[in-house]
Amino acid sequence: MAGLSWLALRGWPFVAGPSWLGPLPRAEWTTEVGRLVGSTAAASEWANDIGTPDPDVLLVIDELRRRGFASPS
């Protein structure tokens, strides 16, 4: 989804409405976003990417926990 950010999607009623409210199945969301951006394959790849934790951020989290800050539960 080259050149397209999540912030660009936030203004699209289809994305900001039903998908965040829950009634839209993931496959339908991916298909519709893919149609809107011109690539269902790219939308599917993006939707299925779980990401990778940044090692530096993990170090900061470890330090905060060591100092007594806990994750919200």
C-alpha atoms as a PDB file:
ATOM      1  CA  MET A   1       0.000   0.000   0.000  1.00  0.00           C
ATOM      2  CA  ALA A   2       2.702   2.361  -1.093  1.00  0.00           C
ATOM      3  CA  GLY A   3       2.123   5.961  -0.150  1.00  0.00           C
ATOM      4  CA  LEU A   4      -0.922   5.160   1.963  1.00  0.00           C
ATOM      5  CA  SER A   5      -0.913   5.604   5.700  1.00  0.00           C
ATOM      6  CA  TRP A   6      -3.422   4.472   8.298  1.00  0.00           C
ATOM      7  CA  LEU A   7      -4.127   8.157   8.950  1.00  0.00           C
ATOM      8  CA  ALA A   8      -5.209   8.528   5.335  1.00  0.00           C
ATOM      9  CA  LEU A   9      -7.762   5.757   5.878  1.00  0.00           C
ATOM     10  CA  ARG A  10      -9.293   7.285   8.993  1.00  0.00           C
ATOM     11  CA  GLY A  11     -11.401   9.711   7.004  1.00  0.00           C
ATOM     12  CA  TRP A  12     -13.023   7.032   4.884  1.00  0.00           C
ATOM     13  CA  PRO A  13     -16.520   6.384   6.244  1.00  0.00           C
ATOM     14  CA  PHE A  14     -16.352   2.687   5.391  1.00  0.00           C
ATOM     15  CA  VAL A  15     -13.208   2.205   7.461  1.00  0.00           C
ATOM     16  CA  ALA A  16     -14.060   4.559  10.310  1.00  0.00           C
ATOM     17  CA  GLY A  17     -17.592   3.274  10.722  1.00  0.00           C
ATOM     18  CA  PRO A  18     -18.534  -0.397  10.574  1.00  0.00           C
ATOM     19  CA  SER A  19     -15.044  -1.863  10.905  1.00  0.00           C
ATOM     20  CA  TRP A  20     -14.410  -0.179  14.253  1.00  0.00           C
ATOM     21  CA  LEU A  21     -17.902  -0.851  15.524  1.00  0.00           C
ATOM     22  CA  GLY A  22     -17.546  -4.575  14.961  1.00  0.00           C
ATOM     23  CA  PRO A  23     -20.175  -5.759  12.464  1.00  0.00           C
ATOM     24  CA  LEU A  24     -17.752  -6.013   9.525  1.00  0.00           C
ATOM     25  CA  PRO A  25     -15.896  -9.336   9.177  1.00  0.00           C
ATOM     26  CA  ARG A  26     -12.136  -9.048   8.668  1.00  0.00           C
ATOM     27  CA  ALA A  27     -12.264 -10.562   5.162  1.00  0.00           C
ATOM     28  CA  GLU A  28     -14.849  -8.012   4.042  1.00  0.00           C
ATOM     29  CA  TRP A  29     -12.842  -5.172   5.576  1.00  0.00           C
ATOM     30  CA  THR A  30      -9.678  -6.335   3.797  1.00  0.00           C
ATOM     31  CA  THR A  31     -11.515  -6.697   0.495  1.00  0.00           C
ATOM     32  CA  GLU A  32     -13.101  -3.252   0.745  1.00  0.00           C
ATOM     33  CA  VAL A  33      -9.896  -1.495   1.790  1.00  0.00           C
ATOM     34  CA  GLY A  34      -8.088  -3.324  -1.009  1.00  0.00           C
ATOM     35  CA  ARG A  35     -10.685  -2.096  -3.478  1.00  0.00           C
ATOM     36  CA  LEU A  36     -10.352   1.465  -2.181  1.00  0.00           C
ATOM     37  CA  VAL A  37      -6.550   1.495  -2.417  1.00  0.00           C
ATOM     38  CA  GLY A  38      -6.336  -0.527  -5.599  1.00  0.00           C
ATOM     39  CA  SER A  39      -4.781  -3.716  -4.237  1.00  0.00           C
ATOM     40  CA  THR A  40      -6.587  -6.381  -2.245  1.00  0.00           C
ATOM     41  CA  ALA A  41      -3.308  -8.309  -1.969  1.00  0.00           C
ATOM     42  CA  ALA A  42      -1.565  -5.302  -0.369  1.00  0.00           C
ATOM     43  CA  ALA A  43      -4.488  -4.738   2.019  1.00  0.00           C
ATOM     44  CA  SER A  44      -4.444  -8.399   2.994  1.00  0.00           C
ATOM     45  CA  GLU A  45      -0.686  -8.370   3.558  1.00  0.00           C
ATOM     46  CA  TRP A  46      -0.981  -5.239   5.717  1.00  0.00           C
ATOM     47  CA  ALA A  47      -3.953  -6.599   7.693  1.00  0.00           C
ATOM     48  CA  ASN A  48      -2.105  -9.840   8.456  1.00  0.00           C
ATOM     49  CA  ASP A  49       1.193  -8.215   9.448  1.00  0.00           C
ATOM     50  CA  ILE A  50       1.601  -8.532  13.209  1.00  0.00           C
ATOM     51  CA  GLY A  51       4.632  -6.256  13.194  1.00  0.00           C
ATOM     52  CA  THR A  52       7.958  -6.626  14.936  1.00  0.00           C
ATOM     53  CA  PRO A  53       8.729  -5.219  18.366  1.00  0.00           C
ATOM     54  CA  ASP A  54      11.431  -2.573  18.372  1.00  0.00           C
ATOM     55  CA  PRO A  55      14.296  -3.833  20.584  1.00  0.00           C
ATOM     56  CA  ASP A  56      14.952  -0.324  21.959  1.00  0.00           C
ATOM     57  CA  VAL A  57      11.311   0.040  22.984  1.00  0.00           C
ATOM     58  CA  LEU A  58      11.444  -3.346  24.698  1.00  0.00           C
ATOM     59  CA  LEU A  59      14.479  -2.152  26.685  1.00  0.00           C
ATOM     60  CA  VAL A  60      12.555   0.940  27.817  1.00  0.00           C
ATOM     61  CA  ILE A  61       9.610  -1.238  28.845  1.00  0.00           C
ATOM     62  CA  ASP A  62      11.922  -3.557  30.786  1.00  0.00           C
ATOM     63  CA  GLU A  63      13.436  -0.561  32.582  1.00  0.00           C
ATOM     64  CA  LEU A  64      10.009   0.847  33.461  1.00  0.00           C
ATOM     65  CA  ARG A  65       8.952  -2.527  34.852  1.00  0.00           C
ATOM     66  CA  ARG A  66      12.180  -2.757  36.839  1.00  0.00           C
ATOM     67  CA  ARG A  67      11.337   0.646  38.375  1.00  0.00           C
ATOM     68  CA  GLY A  68       7.904  -0.594  39.409  1.00  0.00           C
ATOM     69  CA  PHE A  69       5.715   0.577  36.555  1.00  0.00           C
ATOM     70  CA  ALA A  70       3.337  -2.175  35.513  1.00  0.00           C
ATOM     71  CA  SER A  71       1.472  -2.793  32.299  1.00  0.00           C
ATOM     72  CA  PRO A  72      -2.182  -1.759  32.435  1.00  0.00           C
ATOM     73  CA  SER A  73      -4.474  -4.686  33.085  1.00  0.00           C
END
